[in-house]
Amino acid sequence: MRTLRGLLVLSVLGVAASGCSSIEPWVKPYDRENLADPVMAFTRASISQDFLDHVFESREGSRGATGGGGGGCGCN
C-alpha cells in the first residue's frame, strides 16, 4: 500500500511538473508572411466582400466585428 501511494504521488508530481514547460508559438515569425497572403482570405473576391461589408455596416448603423486588421502594433 505504501509503494502504491508513493507511485501515485510521483505520477501526480510528474504530471504537475510537465505543465511548467514553455509553450512555443505555433506560427514562427517568418511564416506569418505566408499566412498574410491574400490567397489565404476567407472569400474568393475580397474586394466585393469589403463593399458588401460596407453596405451592411451602413444599413445596420454598426461597425466592426468582421475580423482583425493590422499586425498587433496598435497603429490601425
PDB file of N, CA and C in Angstrom:
ATOM      1  N   MET A   1       0.823  -1.188   0.000  1.00  0.00           N
ATOM      2  CA  MET A   1       0.000   0.000   0.000  1.00  0.00           C
ATOM      3  C   MET A   1       0.870   1.257   0.000  1.00  0.00           C
ATOM      4  N   ARG A   2       1.963   1.177   0.727  1.00  0.00           N
ATOM      5  CA  ARG A   2       2.848   2.331   0.811  1.00  0.00           C
ATOM      6  C   ARG A   2       3.514   2.627  -0.534  1.00  0.00           C
ATOM      7  N   THR A   3       3.899   1.581  -1.256  1.00  0.00           N
ATOM      8  CA  THR A   3       4.535   1.793  -2.559  1.00  0.00           C
ATOM      9  C   THR A   3       3.522   2.310  -3.581  1.00  0.00           C
ATOM     10  N   LEU A   4       2.284   1.873  -3.456  1.00  0.00           N
ATOM     11  CA  LEU A   4       1.247   2.358  -4.356  1.00  0.00           C
ATOM     12  C   LEU A   4       1.001   3.848  -4.140  1.00  0.00           C
ATOM     13  N   ARG A   5       0.977   4.255  -2.882  1.00  0.00           N
ATOM     14  CA  ARG A   5       0.801   5.671  -2.551  1.00  0.00           C
ATOM     15  C   ARG A   5       1.983   6.491  -3.050  1.00  0.00           C
ATOM     16  N   GLY A   6       3.196   5.969  -2.888  1.00  0.00           N
ATOM     17  CA  GLY A   6       4.392   6.662  -3.375  1.00  0.00           C
ATOM     18  C   GLY A   6       4.392   6.791  -4.889  1.00  0.00           C
ATOM     19  N   LEU A   7       3.949   5.727  -5.567  1.00  0.00           N
ATOM     20  CA  LEU A   7       3.862   5.769  -7.018  1.00  0.00           C
ATOM     21  C   LEU A   7       2.823   6.780  -7.481  1.00  0.00           C
ATOM     22  N   LEU A   8       1.721   6.854  -6.778  1.00  0.00           N
ATOM     23  CA  LEU A   8       0.676   7.827  -7.104  1.00  0.00           C
ATOM     24  C   LEU A   8       1.172   9.253  -6.911  1.00  0.00           C
ATOM     25  N   VAL A   9       1.878   9.494  -5.825  1.00  0.00           N
ATOM     26  CA  VAL A   9       2.420  10.831  -5.562  1.00  0.00           C
ATOM     27  C   VAL A   9       3.441  11.207  -6.637  1.00  0.00           C
ATOM     28  N   LEU A  10       4.302  10.269  -7.026  1.00  0.00           N
ATOM     29  CA  LEU A  10       5.294  10.559  -8.064  1.00  0.00           C
ATOM     30  C   LEU A  10       4.635  10.830  -9.415  1.00  0.00           C
ATOM     31  N   SER A  11       3.593  10.092  -9.733  1.00  0.00           N
ATOM     32  CA  SER A  11       2.930  10.332 -11.010  1.00  0.00           C
ATOM     33  C   SER A  11       2.213  11.681 -11.018  1.00  0.00           C
ATOM     34  N   VAL A  12       1.597  12.062  -9.901  1.00  0.00           N
ATOM     35  CA  VAL A  12       0.938  13.373  -9.821  1.00  0.00           C
ATOM     36  C   VAL A  12       1.978  14.483  -9.922  1.00  0.00           C
ATOM     37  N   LEU A  13       3.106  14.331  -9.268  1.00  0.00           N
ATOM     38  CA  LEU A  13       4.171  15.335  -9.367  1.00  0.00           C
ATOM     39  C   LEU A  13       4.739  15.405 -10.782  1.00  0.00           C
ATOM     40  N   GLY A  14       4.851  14.276 -11.444  1.00  0.00           N
ATOM     41  CA  GLY A  14       5.339  14.268 -12.818  1.00  0.00           C
ATOM     42  C   GLY A  14       4.399  14.994 -13.766  1.00  0.00           C
ATOM     43  N   VAL A  15       3.105  14.773 -13.595  1.00  0.00           N
ATOM     44  CA  VAL A  15       2.124  15.462 -14.435  1.00  0.00           C
ATOM     45  C   VAL A  15       2.129  16.954 -14.137  1.00  0.00           C
ATOM     46  N   ALA A  16       2.220  17.321 -12.871  1.00  0.00           N
ATOM     47  CA  ALA A  16       2.228  18.739 -12.495  1.00  0.00           C
ATOM     48  C   ALA A  16       3.488  19.439 -13.001  1.00  0.00           C
ATOM     49  N   ALA A  17       4.618  18.755 -12.983  1.00  0.00           N
ATOM     50  CA  ALA A  17       5.867  19.368 -13.436  1.00  0.00           C
ATOM     51  C   ALA A  17       5.895  19.518 -14.954  1.00  0.00           C
ATOM     52  N   SER A  18       5.184  18.671 -15.669  1.00  0.00           N
ATOM     53  CA  SER A  18       5.194  18.788 -17.133  1.00  0.00           C
ATOM     54  C   SER A  18       4.405  20.007 -17.601  1.00  0.00           C
ATOM     55  N   GLY A  19       3.529  20.546 -16.770  1.00  0.00           N
ATOM     56  CA  GLY A  19       2.779  21.743 -17.118  1.00  0.00           C
ATOM     57  C   GLY A  19       3.607  23.003 -17.034  1.00  0.00           C
ATOM     58  N   CYS A  20       4.798  22.924 -16.499  1.00  0.00           N
ATOM     59  CA  CYS A  20       5.654  24.098 -16.340  1.00  0.00           C
ATOM     60  C   CYS A  20       6.560  24.327 -17.543  1.00  0.00           C
ATOM     61  N   SER A  21       6.465  23.503 -18.559  1.00  0.00           N
ATOM     62  CA  SER A  21       7.329  23.675 -19.719  1.00  0.00           C
ATOM     63  C   SER A  21       6.875  24.883 -20.527  1.00  0.00           C
ATOM     64  N   SER A  22       7.799  25.466 -21.245  1.00  0.00           N
ATOM     65  CA  SER A  22       7.474  26.656 -22.021  1.00  0.00           C
ATOM     66  C   SER A  22       6.686  26.268 -23.272  1.00  0.00           C
ATOM     67  N   ILE A  23       5.755  27.117 -23.661  1.00  0.00           N
ATOM     68  CA  ILE A  23       4.945  26.875 -24.837  1.00  0.00           C
ATOM     69  C   ILE A  23       5.559  27.645 -25.997  1.00  0.00           C
ATOM     70  N   GLU A  24       5.862  26.941 -27.054  1.00  0.00           N
ATOM     71  CA  GLU A  24       6.438  27.589 -28.214  1.00  0.00           C
ATOM     72  C   GLU A  24       5.318  28.073 -29.125  1.00  0.00           C
ATOM     73  N   PRO A  25       5.536  29.165 -29.828  1.00  0.00           N
ATOM     74  CA  PRO A  25       4.472  29.662 -30.713  1.00  0.00           C
ATOM     75  C   PRO A  25       4.207  28.689 -31.845  1.00  0.00           C
ATOM     76  N   TRP A  26       2.934  28.619 -32.236  1.00  0.00           N
ATOM     77  CA  TRP A  26       2.557  27.721 -33.319  1.00  0.00           C
ATOM     78  C   TRP A  26       3.058  28.245 -34.654  1.00  0.00           C
ATOM     79  N   VAL A  27       3.055  29.547 -34.809  1.00  0.00           N
ATOM     80  CA  VAL A  27       3.474  30.151 -36.064  1.00  0.00           C
ATOM     81  C   VAL A  27       4.771  30.904 -35.829  1.00  0.00           C
ATOM     82  N   LYS A  28       5.758  30.542 -36.580  1.00  0.00           N
ATOM     83  CA  LYS A  28       7.045  31.225 -36.472  1.00  0.00           C
ATOM     84  C   LYS A  28       6.949  32.590 -37.148  1.00  0.00           C
ATOM     85  N   PRO A  29       7.757  33.551 -36.711  1.00  0.00           N
ATOM     86  CA  PRO A  29       7.685  34.896 -37.306  1.00  0.00           C
ATOM     87  C   PRO A  29       7.910  34.911 -38.816  1.00  0.00           C
ATOM     88  N   TYR A  30       8.729  34.023 -39.323  1.00  0.00           N
ATOM     89  CA  TYR A  30       8.983  34.020 -40.762  1.00  0.00           C
ATOM     90  C   TYR A  30       7.864  33.329 -41.538  1.00  0.00           C
ATOM     91  N   ASP A  31       6.953  32.617 -40.866  1.00  0.00           N
ATOM     92  CA  ASP A  31       5.808  32.006 -41.540  1.00  0.00           C
ATOM     93  C   ASP A  31       4.611  32.944 -41.625  1.00  0.00           C
ATOM     94  N   ARG A  32       4.604  34.008 -40.868  1.00  0.00           N
ATOM     95  CA  ARG A  32       3.463  34.920 -40.859  1.00  0.00           C
ATOM     96  C   ARG A  32       3.281  35.621 -42.200  1.00  0.00           C
ATOM     97  N   GLU A  33       4.373  35.785 -42.936  1.00  0.00           N
ATOM     98  CA  GLU A  33       4.267  36.387 -44.270  1.00  0.00           C
ATOM     99  C   GLU A  33       3.401  35.522 -45.186  1.00  0.00           C
ATOM    100  N   ASN A  34       3.550  34.217 -45.088  1.00  0.00           N
ATOM    101  CA  ASN A  34       2.759  33.313 -45.924  1.00  0.00           C
ATOM    102  C   ASN A  34       1.299  33.295 -45.495  1.00  0.00           C
ATOM    103  N   LEU A  35       1.022  33.429 -44.206  1.00  0.00           N
ATOM    104  CA  LEU A  35      -0.348  33.411 -43.724  1.00  0.00           C
ATOM    105  C   LEU A  35      -1.075  34.716 -44.019  1.00  0.00           C
ATOM    106  N   ALA A  36      -0.343  35.806 -44.236  1.00  0.00           N
ATOM    107  CA  ALA A  36      -0.960  37.090 -44.548  1.00  0.00           C
ATOM    108  C   ALA A  36      -1.174  37.264 -46.052  1.00  0.00           C
ATOM    109  N   ASP A  37      -0.917  36.236 -46.815  1.00  0.00           N
ATOM    110  CA  ASP A  37      -1.091  36.288 -48.261  1.00  0.00           C
ATOM    111  C   ASP A  37      -2.572  36.428 -48.600  1.00  0.00           C
ATOM    112  N   PRO A  38      -2.939  37.248 -49.598  1.00  0.00           N
ATOM    113  CA  PRO A  38      -4.346  37.390 -49.976  1.00  0.00           C
ATOM    114  C   PRO A  38      -4.998  36.075 -50.403  1.00  0.00           C
ATOM    115  N   VAL A  39      -4.206  35.113 -50.808  1.00  0.00           N
ATOM    116  CA  VAL A  39      -4.760  33.818 -51.189  1.00  0.00           C
ATOM    117  C   VAL A  39      -5.404  33.130 -49.988  1.00  0.00           C
ATOM    118  N   MET A  40      -4.956  33.469 -48.781  1.00  0.00           N
ATOM    119  CA  MET A  40      -5.464  32.842 -47.569  1.00  0.00           C
ATOM    120  C   MET A  40      -6.732  33.514 -47.045  1.00  0.00           C
ATOM    121  N   ALA A  41      -7.356  34.391 -47.823  1.00  0.00           N
ATOM    122  CA  ALA A  41      -8.577  35.074 -47.396  1.00  0.00           C
ATOM    123  C   ALA A  41      -9.741  34.085 -47.352  1.00  0.00           C
ATOM    124  N   PHE A  42     -10.767  34.404 -46.559  1.00  0.00           N
ATOM    125  CA  PHE A  42     -11.923  33.529 -46.423  1.00  0.00           C
ATOM    126  C   PHE A  42     -12.802  33.545 -47.669  1.00  0.00           C
ATOM    127  N   THR A  43     -12.817  34.655 -48.381  1.00  0.00           N
ATOM    128  CA  THR A  43     -13.649  34.755 -49.581  1.00  0.00           C
ATOM    129  C   THR A  43     -12.761  34.805 -50.810  1.00  0.00           C
ATOM    130  N   ARG A  44     -13.341  34.438 -51.928  1.00  0.00           N
ATOM    131  CA  ARG A  44     -12.569  34.473 -53.178  1.00  0.00           C
ATOM    132  C   ARG A  44     -12.438  35.893 -53.707  1.00  0.00           C
ATOM    133  N   ALA A  45     -13.483  36.690 -53.524  1.00  0.00           N
ATOM    134  CA  ALA A  45     -13.480  38.065 -54.025  1.00  0.00           C
ATOM    135  C   ALA A  45     -13.476  39.012 -52.829  1.00  0.00           C
ATOM    136  N   SER A  46     -12.301  39.318 -52.339  1.00  0.00           N
ATOM    137  CA  SER A  46     -12.219  40.115 -51.113  1.00  0.00           C
ATOM    138  C   SER A  46     -12.652  41.562 -51.333  1.00  0.00           C
ATOM    139  N   ILE A  47     -12.460  42.104 -52.539  1.00  0.00           N
ATOM    140  CA  ILE A  47     -12.853  43.495 -52.795  1.00  0.00           C
ATOM    141  C   ILE A  47     -14.370  43.624 -52.762  1.00  0.00           C
ATOM    142  N   SER A  48     -15.073  42.698 -53.413  1.00  0.00           N
ATOM    143  CA  SER A  48     -16.536  42.767 -53.379  1.00  0.00           C
ATOM    144  C   SER A  48     -17.065  42.465 -51.979  1.00  0.00           C
ATOM    145  N   GLN A  49     -16.373  41.619 -51.223  1.00  0.00           N
ATOM    146  CA  GLN A  49     -16.803  41.349 -49.844  1.00  0.00           C
ATOM    147  C   GLN A  49     -16.612  42.591 -48.976  1.00  0.00           C
ATOM    148  N   ASP A  50     -15.549  43.356 -49.204  1.00  0.00           N
ATOM    149  CA  ASP A  50     -15.358  44.608 -48.479  1.00  0.00           C
ATOM    150  C   ASP A  50     -16.488  45.587 -48.778  1.00  0.00           C
ATOM    151  N   PHE A  51     -16.923  45.646 -50.040  1.00  0.00           N
ATOM    152  CA  PHE A  51     -18.028  46.514 -50.405  1.00  0.00           C
ATOM    153  C   PHE A  51     -19.319  46.067 -49.714  1.00  0.00           C
ATOM    154  N   LEU A  52     -19.591  44.773 -49.725  1.00  0.00           N
ATOM    155  CA  LEU A  52     -20.799  44.263 -49.064  1.00  0.00           C
ATOM    156  C   LEU A  52     -20.759  44.509 -47.560  1.00  0.00           C
ATOM    157  N   ASP A  53     -19.592  44.396 -46.962  1.00  0.00           N
ATOM    158  CA  ASP A  53     -19.450  44.713 -45.535  1.00  0.00           C
ATOM    159  C   ASP A  53     -19.748  46.189 -45.275  1.00  0.00           C
ATOM    160  N   HIS A  54     -19.274  47.050 -46.167  1.00  0.00           N
ATOM    161  CA  HIS A  54     -19.522  48.480 -46.012  1.00  0.00           C
ATOM    162  C   HIS A  54     -21.026  48.784 -46.110  1.00  0.00           C
ATOM    163  N   VAL A  55     -21.696  48.161 -47.076  1.00  0.00           N
ATOM    164  CA  VAL A  55     -23.138  48.365 -47.230  1.00  0.00           C
ATOM    165  C   VAL A  55     -23.879  47.857 -45.997  1.00  0.00           C
ATOM    166  N   PHE A  56     -23.486  46.702 -45.497  1.00  0.00           N
ATOM    167  CA  PHE A  56     -24.128  46.143 -44.313  1.00  0.00           C
ATOM    168  C   PHE A  56     -23.931  47.049 -43.103  1.00  0.00           C
ATOM    169  N   GLU A  57     -22.711  47.561 -42.932  1.00  0.00           N
ATOM    170  CA  GLU A  57     -22.434  48.458 -41.809  1.00  0.00           C
ATOM    171  C   GLU A  57     -23.246  49.742 -41.919  1.00  0.00           C
ATOM    172  N   SER A  58     -23.424  50.241 -43.142  1.00  0.00           N
ATOM    173  CA  SER A  58     -24.207  51.466 -43.333  1.00  0.00           C
ATOM    174  C   SER A  58     -25.676  51.239 -43.003  1.00  0.00           C
ATOM    175  N   ARG A  59     -26.211  50.112 -43.385  1.00  0.00           N
ATOM    176  CA  ARG A  59     -27.622  49.830 -43.121  1.00  0.00           C
ATOM    177  C   ARG A  59     -27.875  49.486 -41.662  1.00  0.00           C
ATOM    178  N   GLU A  60     -26.949  48.795 -41.035  1.00  0.00           N
ATOM    179  CA  GLU A  60     -27.138  48.382 -39.645  1.00  0.00           C
ATOM    180  C   GLU A  60     -26.868  49.526 -38.673  1.00  0.00           C
ATOM    181  N   GLY A  61     -26.036  50.445 -39.076  1.00  0.00           N
ATOM    182  CA  GLY A  61     -25.648  51.518 -38.165  1.00  0.00           C
ATOM    183  C   GLY A  61     -24.598  51.061 -37.171  1.00  0.00           C
ATOM    184  N   SER A  62     -23.916  50.007 -37.506  1.00  0.00           N
ATOM    185  CA  SER A  62     -22.859  49.496 -36.628  1.00  0.00           C
ATOM    186  C   SER A  62     -21.611  49.248 -37.451  1.00  0.00           C
ATOM    187  N   ARG A  63     -20.535  49.006 -36.768  1.00  0.00           N
ATOM    188  CA  ARG A  63     -19.275  48.799 -37.463  1.00  0.00           C
ATOM    189  C   ARG A  63     -18.426  47.833 -36.656  1.00  0.00           C
ATOM    190  N   GLY A  64     -17.685  46.999 -37.364  1.00  0.00           N
ATOM    191  CA  GLY A  64     -16.710  46.142 -36.709  1.00  0.00           C
ATOM    192  C   GLY A  64     -17.173  44.706 -36.562  1.00  0.00           C
ATOM    193  N   ALA A  65     -16.396  43.941 -35.841  1.00  0.00           N
ATOM    194  CA  ALA A  65     -16.616  42.523 -35.567  1.00  0.00           C
ATOM    195  C   ALA A  65     -16.593  41.701 -36.840  1.00  0.00           C
ATOM    196  N   THR A  66     -15.841  42.146 -37.834  1.00  0.00           N
ATOM    197  CA  THR A  66     -15.726  41.377 -39.066  1.00  0.00           C
ATOM    198  C   THR A  66     -14.329  40.833 -39.253  1.00  0.00           C
ATOM    199  N   GLY A  67     -13.525  40.823 -38.224  1.00  0.00           N
ATOM    200  CA  GLY A  67     -12.156  40.342 -38.333  1.00  0.00           C
ATOM    201  C   GLY A  67     -11.191  41.408 -37.880  1.00  0.00           C
ATOM    202  N   GLY A  68      -9.957  41.063 -37.847  1.00  0.00           N
ATOM    203  CA  GLY A  68      -8.951  41.990 -37.375  1.00  0.00           C
ATOM    204  C   GLY A  68      -8.039  42.432 -38.489  1.00  0.00           C
ATOM    205  N   GLY A  69      -7.645  43.673 -38.442  1.00  0.00           N
ATOM    206  CA  GLY A  69      -6.699  44.178 -39.403  1.00  0.00           C
ATOM    207  C   GLY A  69      -5.484  44.700 -38.682  1.00  0.00           C
ATOM    208  N   GLY A  70      -4.373  44.608 -39.298  1.00  0.00           N
ATOM    209  CA  GLY A  70      -3.146  45.131 -38.691  1.00  0.00           C
ATOM    210  C   GLY A  70      -2.286  44.022 -38.118  1.00  0.00           C
ATOM    211  N   GLY A  71      -1.160  44.416 -37.641  1.00  0.00           N
ATOM    212  CA  GLY A  71      -0.207  43.435 -37.155  1.00  0.00           C
ATOM    213  C   GLY A  71      -0.055  43.367 -35.662  1.00  0.00           C
ATOM    214  N   GLY A  72      -0.950  43.986 -34.926  1.00  0.00           N
ATOM    215  CA  GLY A  72      -0.873  43.907 -33.473  1.00  0.00           C
ATOM    216  C   GLY A  72      -0.042  45.007 -32.844  1.00  0.00           C
ATOM    217  N   CYS A  73       0.329  46.004 -33.637  1.00  0.00           N
ATOM    218  CA  CYS A  73       1.146  47.086 -33.080  1.00  0.00           C
ATOM    219  C   CYS A  73       0.278  48.187 -32.493  1.00  0.00           C
ATOM    220  N   GLY A  74      -1.015  48.131 -32.701  1.00  0.00           N
ATOM    221  CA  GLY A  74      -1.923  49.137 -32.163  1.00  0.00           C
ATOM    222  C   GLY A  74      -2.003  50.378 -33.014  1.00  0.00           C
ATOM    223  N   CYS A  75      -1.535  50.329 -34.241  1.00  0.00           N
ATOM    224  CA  CYS A  75      -1.495  51.517 -35.076  1.00  0.00           C
ATOM    225  C   CYS A  75      -2.570  51.527 -36.159  1.00  0.00           C
ATOM    226  N   ASN A  76      -3.565  50.641 -36.068  1.00  0.00           N
ATOM    227  CA  ASN A  76      -4.576  50.624 -37.123  1.00  0.00           C
ATOM    228  C   ASN A  76      -5.840  51.314 -36.693  1.00  0.00           C
TER     229      ASN A  76
END
